[in-house]
């Protein structure tokens, strides 16, 4: 996946933590339009509680986030057992101080 310069240069520490957690498998994708001049984004939620954000048009990686529980909840209207497991992981990551 092609990375933005911002992610490649400014997010090395976060990427190292994500590599230690593991990216996991994508379990859901959402198209988010925040009115950004470069267009909408695709937010992919993974089985390990990582949010991968890409530009919808270029598919370029904008950033990856180590999700906090509230972030996961906001994406889903219905909390299924699979999503509850990801929220539990997000609590663990938060307790470990990974959300940098």
Protein backbone atom coordinates (compact mmCIF):
# COMPACT_ATOMS: atom_id res chain seq x y z
CA UNK A 1 0.00 0.00 0.00
CA UNK A 2 1.43 3.37 -0.99
CA UNK A 3 1.92 5.64 2.03
CA UNK A 4 1.55 9.38 2.37
CA UNK A 5 4.72 11.30 3.18
CA UNK A 6 3.14 12.34 6.49
CA UNK A 7 2.63 8.73 7.56
CA UNK A 8 6.05 7.57 6.36
CA UNK A 9 7.93 10.41 8.09
CA UNK A 10 5.86 11.28 11.15
CA UNK A 11 4.33 8.02 12.32
CA UNK A 12 7.31 5.66 12.68
CA UNK A 13 6.76 5.12 16.41
CA UNK A 14 3.05 4.36 15.93
CA UNK A 15 3.83 1.95 13.07
CA UNK A 16 6.30 0.10 15.31
CA UNK A 17 3.58 -0.40 17.93
CA UNK A 18 1.10 -1.52 15.26
CA UNK A 19 3.64 -4.04 13.97
CA UNK A 20 3.99 -5.44 17.52
CA UNK A 21 0.19 -5.75 17.83
CA UNK A 22 -0.31 -7.08 14.31
CA UNK A 23 -2.50 -5.45 11.70
CA UNK A 24 -5.04 -8.30 11.66
CA UNK A 25 -7.72 -8.82 9.03
CA UNK A 26 -10.13 -6.15 7.83
CA UNK A 27 -13.58 -6.83 9.33
CA UNK A 28 -15.41 -3.70 8.11
CA UNK A 29 -14.93 -0.72 5.80
CA UNK A 30 -16.63 2.66 5.90
CA UNK A 31 -16.53 5.54 3.44
CA UNK A 32 -16.17 8.78 5.38
CA UNK A 33 -16.58 12.19 3.75
CA UNK A 34 -15.31 14.97 6.02
CA UNK A 35 -15.24 17.50 3.18
CA UNK A 36 -11.45 17.21 2.79
CA UNK A 37 -10.09 18.88 -0.35
CA UNK A 38 -8.61 15.55 -1.50
CA UNK A 39 -11.95 13.79 -1.17
CA UNK A 40 -13.53 11.05 0.95
CA UNK A 41 -11.62 8.46 2.95
CA UNK A 42 -11.98 4.72 3.46
CA UNK A 43 -11.74 3.69 7.11
CA UNK A 44 -10.98 -0.03 7.51
CA UNK A 45 -11.39 -1.62 10.94
CA UNK A 46 -9.22 -4.68 11.60
CA UNK A 47 -9.62 -7.67 13.90
CA UNK A 48 -6.81 -6.33 16.12
CA UNK A 49 -8.39 -2.89 16.66
CA UNK A 50 -6.42 -0.94 14.08
CA UNK A 51 -8.11 1.71 11.92
CA UNK A 52 -6.50 2.05 8.48
CA UNK A 53 -7.39 5.31 6.74
CA UNK A 54 -6.89 5.66 2.98
CA UNK A 55 -7.84 8.20 0.37
CA UNK A 56 -10.85 6.79 -1.51
CA UNK A 57 -9.63 7.89 -4.95
CA UNK A 58 -5.92 7.14 -4.76
CA UNK A 59 -6.06 4.32 -2.15
CA UNK A 60 -2.95 5.95 -0.62
CA UNK A 61 -2.49 5.27 3.08
CA UNK A 62 -3.15 8.42 5.07
CA UNK A 63 -2.65 7.01 8.55
CA UNK A 64 -3.25 4.07 10.86
CA UNK A 65 -4.72 4.48 14.31
CA UNK A 66 -4.67 2.20 17.32
CA UNK A 67 -8.36 2.53 18.06
CA UNK A 68 -9.79 3.58 21.38
CA UNK A 69 -13.03 1.79 22.38
CA UNK A 70 -15.22 4.82 21.63
CA UNK A 71 -13.81 5.10 18.13
CA UNK A 72 -14.83 1.53 17.33
CA UNK A 73 -18.32 2.05 18.77
CA UNK A 74 -18.91 5.15 16.62
CA UNK A 75 -18.47 3.13 13.42
CA UNK A 76 -21.07 0.50 14.30
CA UNK A 77 -24.76 0.94 15.07
CA UNK A 78 -25.13 -2.64 16.34
CA UNK A 79 -22.44 -4.18 18.55
CA UNK A 80 -22.04 -7.81 17.56
CA UNK A 81 -19.91 -10.35 19.48
CA UNK A 82 -17.13 -9.94 16.87
CA UNK A 83 -17.12 -6.17 17.35
CA UNK A 84 -17.24 -6.54 21.15
CA UNK A 85 -14.02 -8.57 20.94
CA UNK A 86 -12.34 -5.73 19.00
CA UNK A 87 -13.59 -3.21 21.58
CA UNK A 88 -12.05 -5.37 24.32
CA UNK A 89 -8.73 -5.30 22.46
CA UNK A 90 -9.04 -1.53 22.16
CA UNK A 91 -9.38 -1.32 25.97
CA UNK A 92 -6.21 -3.41 26.34
CA UNK A 93 -4.32 -1.18 23.90
CA UNK A 94 -5.52 1.91 25.77
CA UNK A 95 -4.39 0.48 29.12
CA UNK A 96 -0.96 -0.20 27.63
CA UNK A 97 -0.69 3.41 26.41
CA UNK A 98 -0.51 2.45 22.74
CA UNK A 99 -2.80 5.26 21.51
CA UNK A 100 -0.03 7.70 20.68
